[in-house]
PDB file of N, CA and C in Angstrom:
ATOM      1  N   MET A   1     -43.817  71.989  -9.724  1.00  0.00           N
ATOM      2  CA  MET A   1     -43.526  72.587  -8.452  1.00  0.00           C
ATOM      3  C   MET A   1     -42.461  73.647  -8.633  1.00  0.00           C
ATOM      4  N   SER A   2     -42.660  74.765  -7.998  1.00  0.00           N
ATOM      5  CA  SER A   2     -41.659  75.814  -8.067  1.00  0.00           C
ATOM      6  C   SER A   2     -40.546  75.533  -7.074  1.00  0.00           C
ATOM      7  N   GLU A   3     -39.390  76.101  -7.365  1.00  0.00           N
ATOM      8  CA  GLU A   3     -38.250  75.904  -6.477  1.00  0.00           C
ATOM      9  C   GLU A   3     -38.366  76.869  -5.311  1.00  0.00           C
ATOM     10  N   ILE A   4     -38.310  76.323  -4.121  1.00  0.00           N
ATOM     11  CA  ILE A   4     -38.467  77.114  -2.904  1.00  0.00           C
ATOM     12  C   ILE A   4     -37.239  76.902  -2.033  1.00  0.00           C
ATOM     13  N   PRO A   5     -36.616  77.993  -1.574  1.00  0.00           N
ATOM     14  CA  PRO A   5     -35.465  77.804  -0.695  1.00  0.00           C
ATOM     15  C   PRO A   5     -35.897  77.171   0.618  1.00  0.00           C
ATOM     16  N   THR A   6     -35.124  76.194   1.067  1.00  0.00           N
ATOM     17  CA  THR A   6     -35.482  75.495   2.304  1.00  0.00           C
ATOM     18  C   THR A   6     -34.639  75.935   3.484  1.00  0.00           C
ATOM     19  N   HIS A   7     -33.705  76.833   3.264  1.00  0.00           N
ATOM     20  CA  HIS A   7     -32.868  77.315   4.349  1.00  0.00           C
ATOM     21  C   HIS A   7     -32.775  78.836   4.297  1.00  0.00           C
ATOM     22  N   SER A   8     -32.701  79.435   5.461  1.00  0.00           N
ATOM     23  CA  SER A   8     -32.491  80.876   5.537  1.00  0.00           C
ATOM     24  C   SER A   8     -30.984  81.122   5.503  1.00  0.00           C
ATOM     25  N   HIS A   9     -30.596  82.362   5.637  1.00  0.00           N
ATOM     26  CA  HIS A   9     -29.180  82.731   5.552  1.00  0.00           C
ATOM     27  C   HIS A   9     -28.334  82.087   6.639  1.00  0.00           C
ATOM     28  N   ASP A  10     -28.884  81.816   7.789  1.00  0.00           N
ATOM     29  CA  ASP A  10     -28.083  81.216   8.862  1.00  0.00           C
ATOM     30  C   ASP A  10     -28.110  79.694   8.811  1.00  0.00           C
ATOM     31  N   ASP A  11     -28.574  79.123   7.708  1.00  0.00           N
ATOM     32  CA  ASP A  11     -28.571  77.681   7.452  1.00  0.00           C
ATOM     33  C   ASP A  11     -29.507  76.887   8.363  1.00  0.00           C
ATOM     34  N   THR A  12     -30.509  77.528   8.910  1.00  0.00           N
ATOM     35  CA  THR A  12     -31.541  76.815   9.656  1.00  0.00           C
ATOM     36  C   THR A  12     -32.751  76.672   8.742  1.00  0.00           C
ATOM     37  N   PRO A  13     -33.528  75.619   8.913  1.00  0.00           N
ATOM     38  CA  PRO A  13     -34.704  75.435   8.054  1.00  0.00           C
ATOM     39  C   PRO A  13     -35.642  76.637   8.124  1.00  0.00           C
ATOM     40  N   ASP A  14     -36.130  77.044   6.965  1.00  0.00           N
ATOM     41  CA  ASP A  14     -37.070  78.160   6.868  1.00  0.00           C
ATOM     42  C   ASP A  14     -38.479  77.600   7.046  1.00  0.00           C
ATOM     43  N   PRO A  15     -39.117  77.863   8.180  1.00  0.00           N
ATOM     44  CA  PRO A  15     -40.450  77.294   8.447  1.00  0.00           C
ATOM     45  C   PRO A  15     -41.478  77.637   7.376  1.00  0.00           C
ATOM     46  N   GLN A  16     -41.421  78.837   6.830  1.00  0.00           N
ATOM     47  CA  GLN A  16     -42.382  79.227   5.797  1.00  0.00           C
ATOM     48  C   GLN A  16     -42.168  78.404   4.526  1.00  0.00           C
ATOM     49  N   ALA A  17     -40.915  78.186   4.141  1.00  0.00           N
ATOM     50  CA  ALA A  17     -40.626  77.393   2.949  1.00  0.00           C
ATOM     51  C   ALA A  17     -41.041  75.939   3.159  1.00  0.00           C
ATOM     52  N   ILE A  18     -40.787  75.427   4.341  1.00  0.00           N
ATOM     53  CA  ILE A  18     -41.178  74.050   4.642  1.00  0.00           C
ATOM     54  C   ILE A  18     -42.695  73.909   4.590  1.00  0.00           C
ATOM     55  N   GLU A  19     -43.404  74.863   5.123  1.00  0.00           N
ATOM     56  CA  GLU A  19     -44.870  74.818   5.102  1.00  0.00           C
ATOM     57  C   GLU A  19     -45.394  74.885   3.663  1.00  0.00           C
ATOM     58  N   GLU A  20     -44.754  75.698   2.812  1.00  0.00           N
ATOM     59  CA  GLU A  20     -45.155  75.780   1.411  1.00  0.00           C
ATOM     60  C   GLU A  20     -44.941  74.439   0.711  1.00  0.00           C
ATOM     61  N   LEU A  21     -43.809  73.805   0.981  1.00  0.00           N
ATOM     62  CA  LEU A  21     -43.546  72.487   0.398  1.00  0.00           C
ATOM     63  C   LEU A  21     -44.566  71.459   0.878  1.00  0.00           C
ATOM     64  N   ARG A  22     -44.892  71.494   2.155  1.00  0.00           N
ATOM     65  CA  ARG A  22     -45.894  70.575   2.703  1.00  0.00           C
ATOM     66  C   ARG A  22     -47.251  70.797   2.033  1.00  0.00           C
ATOM     67  N   SER A  23     -47.613  72.040   1.796  1.00  0.00           N
ATOM     68  CA  SER A  23     -48.889  72.355   1.144  1.00  0.00           C
ATOM     69  C   SER A  23     -48.919  71.814  -0.283  1.00  0.00           C
ATOM     70  N   GLN A  24     -47.806  71.989  -1.005  1.00  0.00           N
ATOM     71  CA  GLN A  24     -47.736  71.480  -2.371  1.00  0.00           C
ATOM     72  C   GLN A  24     -47.823  69.952  -2.387  1.00  0.00           C
ATOM     73  N   LEU A  25     -47.147  69.322  -1.451  1.00  0.00           N
ATOM     74  CA  LEU A  25     -47.173  67.865  -1.370  1.00  0.00           C
ATOM     75  C   LEU A  25     -48.580  67.369  -1.040  1.00  0.00           C
ATOM     76  N   ALA A  26     -49.250  68.032  -0.108  1.00  0.00           N
ATOM     77  CA  ALA A  26     -50.605  67.627   0.286  1.00  0.00           C
ATOM     78  C   ALA A  26     -51.599  67.770  -0.863  1.00  0.00           C
ATOM     79  N   ALA A  27     -51.331  68.700  -1.786  1.00  0.00           N
ATOM     80  CA  ALA A  27     -52.238  68.922  -2.916  1.00  0.00           C
ATOM     81  C   ALA A  27     -51.968  67.958  -4.075  1.00  0.00           C
ATOM     82  N   ALA A  28     -50.859  67.259  -4.041  1.00  0.00           N
ATOM     83  CA  ALA A  28     -50.482  66.372  -5.143  1.00  0.00           C
ATOM     84  C   ALA A  28     -51.223  65.040  -5.061  1.00  0.00           C
ATOM     85  N   ASP A  29     -51.353  64.395  -6.204  1.00  0.00           N
ATOM     86  CA  ASP A  29     -51.971  63.067  -6.283  1.00  0.00           C
ATOM     87  C   ASP A  29     -50.979  62.049  -5.703  1.00  0.00           C
ATOM     88  N   PRO A  30     -51.353  61.339  -4.645  1.00  0.00           N
ATOM     89  CA  PRO A  30     -50.405  60.391  -4.039  1.00  0.00           C
ATOM     90  C   PRO A  30     -49.972  59.285  -4.987  1.00  0.00           C
ATOM     91  N   ALA A  31     -50.833  58.884  -5.919  1.00  0.00           N
ATOM     92  CA  ALA A  31     -50.458  57.845  -6.875  1.00  0.00           C
ATOM     93  C   ALA A  31     -49.285  58.303  -7.733  1.00  0.00           C
ATOM     94  N   VAL A  32     -49.266  59.581  -8.088  1.00  0.00           N
ATOM     95  CA  VAL A  32     -48.176  60.125  -8.905  1.00  0.00           C
ATOM     96  C   VAL A  32     -46.883  60.157  -8.100  1.00  0.00           C
ATOM     97  N   ILE A  33     -46.968  60.553  -6.851  1.00  0.00           N
ATOM     98  CA  ILE A  33     -45.779  60.620  -6.004  1.00  0.00           C
ATOM     99  C   ILE A  33     -45.209  59.222  -5.783  1.00  0.00           C
ATOM    100  N   VAL A  34     -46.058  58.259  -5.464  1.00  0.00           N
ATOM    101  CA  VAL A  34     -45.596  56.888  -5.241  1.00  0.00           C
ATOM    102  C   VAL A  34     -45.021  56.315  -6.537  1.00  0.00           C
ATOM    103  N   ALA A  35     -45.663  56.572  -7.656  1.00  0.00           N
ATOM    104  CA  ALA A  35     -45.154  56.083  -8.946  1.00  0.00           C
ATOM    105  C   ALA A  35     -43.762  56.650  -9.222  1.00  0.00           C
ATOM    106  N   ASN A  36     -43.553  57.914  -8.915  1.00  0.00           N
ATOM    107  CA  ASN A  36     -42.225  58.506  -9.112  1.00  0.00           C
ATOM    108  C   ASN A  36     -41.182  57.798  -8.263  1.00  0.00           C
ATOM    109  N   HIS A  37     -41.537  57.441  -7.048  1.00  0.00           N
ATOM    110  CA  HIS A  37     -40.606  56.695  -6.199  1.00  0.00           C
ATOM    111  C   HIS A  37     -40.343  55.307  -6.791  1.00  0.00           C
ATOM    112  N   CYS A  38     -41.371  54.715  -7.384  1.00  0.00           N
ATOM    113  CA  CYS A  38     -41.191  53.407  -8.022  1.00  0.00           C
ATOM    114  C   CYS A  38     -40.201  53.492  -9.175  1.00  0.00           C
ATOM    115  N   TYR A  39     -40.303  54.542  -9.979  1.00  0.00           N
ATOM    116  CA  TYR A  39     -39.346  54.697 -11.070  1.00  0.00           C
ATOM    117  C   TYR A  39     -37.936  54.871 -10.516  1.00  0.00           C
ATOM    118  N   GLY A  40     -37.816  55.516  -9.374  1.00  0.00           N
ATOM    119  CA  GLY A  40     -36.516  55.633  -8.714  1.00  0.00           C
ATOM    120  C   GLY A  40     -35.973  54.284  -8.289  1.00  0.00           C
ATOM    121  N   LEU A  41     -36.840  53.408  -7.765  1.00  0.00           N
ATOM    122  CA  LEU A  41     -36.413  52.057  -7.391  1.00  0.00           C
ATOM    123  C   LEU A  41     -35.976  51.258  -8.617  1.00  0.00           C
ATOM    124  N   PHE A  42     -36.699  51.428  -9.721  1.00  0.00           N
ATOM    125  CA  PHE A  42     -36.320  50.764 -10.964  1.00  0.00           C
ATOM    126  C   PHE A  42     -34.922  51.218 -11.389  1.00  0.00           C
ATOM    127  N   GLU A  43     -34.694  52.514 -11.371  1.00  0.00           N
ATOM    128  CA  GLU A  43     -33.392  53.065 -11.759  1.00  0.00           C
ATOM    129  C   GLU A  43     -32.289  52.575 -10.829  1.00  0.00           C
ATOM    130  N   LEU A  44     -32.577  52.502  -9.535  1.00  0.00           N
ATOM    131  CA  LEU A  44     -31.602  52.015  -8.569  1.00  0.00           C
ATOM    132  C   LEU A  44     -31.206  50.578  -8.895  1.00  0.00           C
ATOM    133  N   ALA A  45     -32.188  49.740  -9.165  1.00  0.00           N
ATOM    134  CA  ALA A  45     -31.898  48.346  -9.535  1.00  0.00           C
ATOM    135  C   ALA A  45     -31.078  48.293 -10.816  1.00  0.00           C
ATOM    136  N   ALA A  46     -31.415  49.137 -11.783  1.00  0.00           N
ATOM    137  CA  ALA A  46     -30.679  49.147 -13.050  1.00  0.00           C
ATOM    138  C   ALA A  46     -29.226  49.579 -12.840  1.00  0.00           C
ATOM    139  N   VAL A  47     -29.001  50.522 -11.952  1.00  0.00           N
ATOM    140  CA  VAL A  47     -27.630  50.953 -11.655  1.00  0.00           C
ATOM    141  C   VAL A  47     -26.830  49.791 -11.089  1.00  0.00           C
ATOM    142  N   TYR A  48     -27.412  49.087 -10.129  1.00  0.00           N
ATOM    143  CA  TYR A  48     -26.708  47.943  -9.550  1.00  0.00           C
ATOM    144  C   TYR A  48     -26.459  46.853 -10.584  1.00  0.00           C
ATOM    145  N   LEU A  49     -27.439  46.588 -11.429  1.00  0.00           N
ATOM    146  CA  LEU A  49     -27.277  45.532 -12.434  1.00  0.00           C
ATOM    147  C   LEU A  49     -26.265  45.914 -13.506  1.00  0.00           C
ATOM    148  N   SER A  50     -26.106  47.192 -13.770  1.00  0.00           N
ATOM    149  CA  SER A  50     -25.157  47.623 -14.805  1.00  0.00           C
ATOM    150  C   SER A  50     -23.757  47.867 -14.251  1.00  0.00           C
ATOM    151  N   SER A  51     -23.578  47.714 -12.949  1.00  0.00           N
ATOM    152  CA  SER A  51     -22.243  47.837 -12.365  1.00  0.00           C
ATOM    153  C   SER A  51     -21.353  46.722 -12.874  1.00  0.00           C
ATOM    154  N   GLN A  52     -20.070  46.965 -12.844  1.00  0.00           N
ATOM    155  CA  GLN A  52     -19.115  45.930 -13.239  1.00  0.00           C
ATOM    156  C   GLN A  52     -18.257  45.556 -12.054  1.00  0.00           C
ATOM    157  N   PRO A  53     -18.406  44.386 -11.502  1.00  0.00           N
ATOM    158  CA  PRO A  53     -19.384  43.358 -11.853  1.00  0.00           C
ATOM    159  C   PRO A  53     -20.775  43.749 -11.349  1.00  0.00           C
ATOM    160  N   PRO A  54     -21.812  43.140 -11.908  1.00  0.00           N
ATOM    161  CA  PRO A  54     -23.169  43.458 -11.456  1.00  0.00           C
ATOM    162  C   PRO A  54     -23.341  43.147  -9.968  1.00  0.00           C
ATOM    163  N   LYS A  55     -24.111  43.977  -9.303  1.00  0.00           N
ATOM    164  CA  LYS A  55     -24.398  43.799  -7.876  1.00  0.00           C
ATOM    165  C   LYS A  55     -25.814  43.251  -7.744  1.00  0.00           C
ATOM    166  N   ALA A  56     -25.941  41.943  -7.985  1.00  0.00           N
ATOM    167  CA  ALA A  56     -27.252  41.301  -8.026  1.00  0.00           C
ATOM    168  C   ALA A  56     -27.965  41.348  -6.680  1.00  0.00           C
ATOM    169  N   THR A  57     -27.242  41.151  -5.599  1.00  0.00           N
ATOM    170  CA  THR A  57     -27.873  41.154  -4.273  1.00  0.00           C
ATOM    171  C   THR A  57     -28.447  42.529  -3.951  1.00  0.00           C
ATOM    172  N   GLU A  58     -27.689  43.573  -4.247  1.00  0.00           N
ATOM    173  CA  GLU A  58     -28.161  44.935  -4.004  1.00  0.00           C
ATOM    174  C   GLU A  58     -29.349  45.260  -4.907  1.00  0.00           C
ATOM    175  N   ALA A  59     -29.265  44.828  -6.163  1.00  0.00           N
ATOM    176  CA  ALA A  59     -30.366  45.064  -7.101  1.00  0.00           C
ATOM    177  C   ALA A  59     -31.632  44.373  -6.629  1.00  0.00           C
ATOM    178  N   GLN A  60     -31.494  43.188  -6.058  1.00  0.00           N
ATOM    179  CA  GLN A  60     -32.657  42.429  -5.610  1.00  0.00           C
ATOM    180  C   GLN A  60     -33.439  43.181  -4.537  1.00  0.00           C
ATOM    181  N   VAL A  61     -32.754  43.924  -3.685  1.00  0.00           N
ATOM    182  CA  VAL A  61     -33.456  44.709  -2.660  1.00  0.00           C
ATOM    183  C   VAL A  61     -34.352  45.757  -3.327  1.00  0.00           C
ATOM    184  N   ALA A  62     -33.801  46.469  -4.297  1.00  0.00           N
ATOM    185  CA  ALA A  62     -34.587  47.489  -5.000  1.00  0.00           C
ATOM    186  C   ALA A  62     -35.728  46.857  -5.794  1.00  0.00           C
ATOM    187  N   ILE A  63     -35.456  45.715  -6.423  1.00  0.00           N
ATOM    188  CA  ILE A  63     -36.492  45.023  -7.202  1.00  0.00           C
ATOM    189  C   ILE A  63     -37.608  44.534  -6.287  1.00  0.00           C
ATOM    190  N   ASP A  64     -37.240  43.969  -5.152  1.00  0.00           N
ATOM    191  CA  ASP A  64     -38.261  43.497  -4.210  1.00  0.00           C
ATOM    192  C   ASP A  64     -39.097  44.646  -3.657  1.00  0.00           C
ATOM    193  N   ALA A  65     -38.464  45.782  -3.405  1.00  0.00           N
ATOM    194  CA  ALA A  65     -39.202  46.952  -2.924  1.00  0.00           C
ATOM    195  C   ALA A  65     -40.174  47.446  -3.997  1.00  0.00           C
ATOM    196  N   LEU A  66     -39.697  47.498  -5.229  1.00  0.00           N
ATOM    197  CA  LEU A  66     -40.556  47.892  -6.349  1.00  0.00           C
ATOM    198  C   LEU A  66     -41.728  46.933  -6.481  1.00  0.00           C
ATOM    199  N   ALA A  67     -41.450  45.631  -6.405  1.00  0.00           N
ATOM    200  CA  ALA A  67     -42.513  44.626  -6.518  1.00  0.00           C
ATOM    201  C   ALA A  67     -43.533  44.769  -5.394  1.00  0.00           C
ATOM    202  N   ALA A  68     -43.045  45.020  -4.188  1.00  0.00           N
ATOM    203  CA  ALA A  68     -43.962  45.154  -3.052  1.00  0.00           C
ATOM    204  C   ALA A  68     -44.958  46.282  -3.288  1.00  0.00           C
ATOM    205  N   ILE A  69     -44.484  47.369  -3.818  1.00  0.00           N
ATOM    206  CA  ILE A  69     -45.377  48.509  -4.063  1.00  0.00           C
ATOM    207  C   ILE A  69     -46.302  48.234  -5.249  1.00  0.00           C
ATOM    208  N   VAL A  70     -45.710  47.847  -6.375  1.00  0.00           N
ATOM    209  CA  VAL A  70     -46.492  47.678  -7.610  1.00  0.00           C
ATOM    210  C   VAL A  70     -47.527  46.563  -7.461  1.00  0.00           C
ATOM    211  N   GLU A  71     -47.123  45.441  -6.886  1.00  0.00           N
ATOM    212  CA  GLU A  71     -48.050  44.313  -6.765  1.00  0.00           C
ATOM    213  C   GLU A  71     -49.094  44.545  -5.685  1.00  0.00           C
ATOM    214  N   THR A  72     -48.767  45.299  -4.677  1.00  0.00           N
ATOM    215  CA  THR A  72     -49.741  45.568  -3.616  1.00  0.00           C
ATOM    216  C   THR A  72     -50.754  46.631  -4.040  1.00  0.00           C
ATOM    217  N   LEU A  73     -50.274  47.692  -4.666  1.00  0.00           N
ATOM    218  CA  LEU A  73     -51.180  48.792  -5.028  1.00  0.00           C
ATOM    219  C   LEU A  73     -51.899  48.576  -6.348  1.00  0.00           C
ATOM    220  N   GLY A  74     -51.266  47.890  -7.281  1.00  0.00           N
ATOM    221  CA  GLY A  74     -51.919  47.588  -8.560  1.00  0.00           C
ATOM    222  C   GLY A  74     -52.542  48.799  -9.226  1.00  0.00           C
ATOM    223  N   ASP A  75     -53.835  48.699  -9.514  1.00  0.00           N
ATOM    224  CA  ASP A  75     -54.551  49.764 -10.221  1.00  0.00           C
ATOM    225  C   ASP A  75     -54.656  51.060  -9.425  1.00  0.00           C
ATOM    226  N   ARG A  76     -54.392  50.999  -8.134  1.00  0.00           N
ATOM    227  CA  ARG A  76     -54.442  52.227  -7.334  1.00  0.00           C
ATOM    228  C   ARG A  76     -53.317  53.188  -7.714  1.00  0.00           C
ATOM    229  N   LEU A  77     -52.351  52.707  -8.500  1.00  0.00           N
ATOM    230  CA  LEU A  77     -51.286  53.572  -9.004  1.00  0.00           C
ATOM    231  C   LEU A  77     -51.734  54.356 -10.239  1.00  0.00           C
ATOM    232  N   GLY A  78     -52.981  54.198 -10.626  1.00  0.00           N
ATOM    233  CA  GLY A  78     -53.536  54.968 -11.735  1.00  0.00           C
ATOM    234  C   GLY A  78     -52.896  54.623 -13.062  1.00  0.00           C
ATOM    235  N   GLU A  79     -52.660  55.654 -13.865  1.00  0.00           N
ATOM    236  CA  GLU A  79     -52.104  55.466 -15.209  1.00  0.00           C
ATOM    237  C   GLU A  79     -50.737  54.808 -15.185  1.00  0.00           C
ATOM    238  N   ALA A  80     -50.020  54.914 -14.095  1.00  0.00           N
ATOM    239  CA  ALA A  80     -48.672  54.347 -14.008  1.00  0.00           C
ATOM    240  C   ALA A  80     -48.689  52.845 -13.747  1.00  0.00           C
ATOM    241  N   SER A  81     -49.831  52.289 -13.408  1.00  0.00           N
ATOM    242  CA  SER A  81     -49.919  50.874 -13.047  1.00  0.00           C
ATOM    243  C   SER A  81     -49.370  49.951 -14.136  1.00  0.00           C
ATOM    244  N   GLY A  82     -49.815  50.123 -15.359  1.00  0.00           N
ATOM    245  CA  GLY A  82     -49.356  49.282 -16.468  1.00  0.00           C
ATOM    246  C   GLY A  82     -47.871  49.444 -16.753  1.00  0.00           C
ATOM    247  N   PRO A  83     -47.410  50.684 -16.957  1.00  0.00           N
ATOM    248  CA  PRO A  83     -45.983  50.875 -17.209  1.00  0.00           C
ATOM    249  C   PRO A  83     -45.092  50.375 -16.068  1.00  0.00           C
ATOM    250  N   LEU A  84     -45.546  50.527 -14.835  1.00  0.00           N
ATOM    251  CA  LEU A  84     -44.742  50.044 -13.710  1.00  0.00           C
ATOM    252  C   LEU A  84     -44.721  48.520 -13.652  1.00  0.00           C
ATOM    253  N   SER A  85     -45.832  47.882 -13.980  1.00  0.00           N
ATOM    254  CA  SER A  85     -45.848  46.418 -14.044  1.00  0.00           C
ATOM    255  C   SER A  85     -44.902  45.919 -15.130  1.00  0.00           C
ATOM    256  N   ASP A  86     -44.891  46.609 -16.262  1.00  0.00           N
ATOM    257  CA  ASP A  86     -43.977  46.254 -17.351  1.00  0.00           C
ATOM    258  C   ASP A  86     -42.522  46.467 -16.934  1.00  0.00           C
ATOM    259  N   ALA A  87     -42.257  47.577 -16.259  1.00  0.00           N
ATOM    260  CA  ALA A  87     -40.900  47.877 -15.797  1.00  0.00           C
ATOM    261  C   ALA A  87     -40.430  46.824 -14.793  1.00  0.00           C
ATOM    262  N   LEU A  88     -41.322  46.407 -13.916  1.00  0.00           N
ATOM    263  CA  LEU A  88     -40.983  45.376 -12.937  1.00  0.00           C
ATOM    264  C   LEU A  88     -40.623  44.068 -13.647  1.00  0.00           C
ATOM    265  N   ALA A  89     -41.422  43.678 -14.631  1.00  0.00           N
ATOM    266  CA  ALA A  89     -41.134  42.453 -15.384  1.00  0.00           C
ATOM    267  C   ALA A  89     -39.789  42.572 -16.105  1.00  0.00           C
ATOM    268  N   GLN A  90     -39.520  43.723 -16.667  1.00  0.00           N
ATOM    269  CA  GLN A  90     -38.273  43.953 -17.401  1.00  0.00           C
ATOM    270  C   GLN A  90     -37.056  43.869 -16.476  1.00  0.00           C
ATOM    271  N   ILE A  91     -37.121  44.504 -15.317  1.00  0.00           N
ATOM    272  CA  ILE A  91     -35.968  44.501 -14.414  1.00  0.00           C
ATOM    273  C   ILE A  91     -35.779  43.131 -13.776  1.00  0.00           C
ATOM    274  N   ARG A  92     -36.869  42.407 -13.558  1.00  0.00           N
ATOM    275  CA  ARG A  92     -36.749  41.031 -13.050  1.00  0.00           C
ATOM    276  C   ARG A  92     -36.056  40.144 -14.082  1.00  0.00           C
ATOM    277  N   LEU A  93     -36.428  40.287 -15.338  1.00  0.00           N
ATOM    278  CA  LEU A  93     -35.803  39.510 -16.402  1.00  0.00           C
ATOM    279  C   LEU A  93     -34.312  39.838 -16.493  1.00  0.00           C
ATOM    280  N   ALA A  94     -33.976  41.105 -16.411  1.00  0.00           N
ATOM    281  CA  ALA A  94     -32.563  41.504 -16.454  1.00  0.00           C
ATOM    282  C   ALA A  94     -31.803  40.882 -15.292  1.00  0.00           C
ATOM    283  N   TRP A  95     -32.414  40.862 -14.113  1.00  0.00           N
ATOM    284  CA  TRP A  95     -31.767  40.274 -12.936  1.00  0.00           C
ATOM    285  C   TRP A  95     -31.516  38.782 -13.161  1.00  0.00           C
ATOM    286  N   VAL A  96     -32.519  38.072 -13.681  1.00  0.00           N
ATOM    287  CA  VAL A  96     -32.379  36.634 -13.927  1.00  0.00           C
ATOM    288  C   VAL A  96     -31.275  36.386 -14.950  1.00  0.00           C
ATOM    289  N   GLN A  97     -31.263  37.159 -16.032  1.00  0.00           N
ATOM    290  CA  GLN A  97     -30.253  36.959 -17.071  1.00  0.00           C
ATOM    291  C   GLN A  97     -28.852  37.220 -16.541  1.00  0.00           C
ATOM    292  N   LEU A  98     -28.671  38.288 -15.768  1.00  0.00           N
ATOM    293  CA  LEU A  98     -27.347  38.601 -15.226  1.00  0.00           C
ATOM    294  C   LEU A  98     -26.931  37.621 -14.140  1.00  0.00           C
ATOM    295  N   SER A  99     -27.889  37.150 -13.363  1.00  0.00           N
ATOM    296  CA  SER A  99     -27.580  36.202 -12.299  1.00  0.00           C
ATOM    297  C   SER A  99     -27.178  34.838 -12.861  1.00  0.00           C
ATOM    298  N   ALA A 100     -27.725  34.482 -14.030  1.00  0.00           N
ATOM    299  CA  ALA A 100     -27.437  33.194 -14.644  1.00  0.00           C
ATOM    300  C   ALA A 100     -26.162  33.222 -15.471  1.00  0.00           C
ATOM    301  N   ALA A 101     -25.683  34.426 -15.807  1.00  0.00           N
ATOM    302  CA  ALA A 101     -24.486  34.535 -16.638  1.00  0.00           C
ATOM    303  C   ALA A 101     -23.246  34.143 -15.848  1.00  0.00           C
ATOM    304  N   PRO A 102     -22.305  33.490 -16.513  1.00  0.00           N
ATOM    305  CA  PRO A 102     -21.060  33.153 -15.815  1.00  0.00           C
ATOM    306  C   PRO A 102     -20.289  34.427 -15.492  1.00  0.00           C
ATOM    307  N   PRO A 103     -19.538  34.415 -14.380  1.00  0.00           N
ATOM    308  CA  PRO A 103     -18.781  35.611 -14.020  1.00  0.00           C
ATOM    309  C   PRO A 103     -17.730  35.930 -15.068  1.00  0.00           C
ATOM    310  N   ALA A 104     -17.496  37.221 -15.263  1.00  0.00           N
ATOM    311  CA  ALA A 104     -16.486  37.641 -16.238  1.00  0.00           C
ATOM    312  C   ALA A 104     -15.097  37.278 -15.716  1.00  0.00           C
ATOM    313  N   PRO A 105     -14.178  36.890 -16.634  1.00  0.00           N
ATOM    314  CA  PRO A 105     -12.831  36.513 -16.192  1.00  0.00           C
ATOM    315  C   PRO A 105     -12.017  37.693 -15.680  1.00  0.00           C
TER     316      PRO A 105
END
């Protein structure tokens, strides 16, 4: 996707730029767009889990959202289905391991 300015000089939304973005989005494969959002949820969970101390409750929200999408859509996510299922299993395992660990002194 090319970079398109979304605001004119007076800082109001540029209708032509917005329409161009909408056209590009409408032409894109929805499975790819949803998969990209899933990778974002994975990263969000990883950020929470890598915080000191880990934020397990916050991570669980992102993990549950990722699971809801991946498990519901399955193969409809196309080529990303397998890697996303693996990523979900990996982040769930990390959550379990961190949740079971004793708190740091």
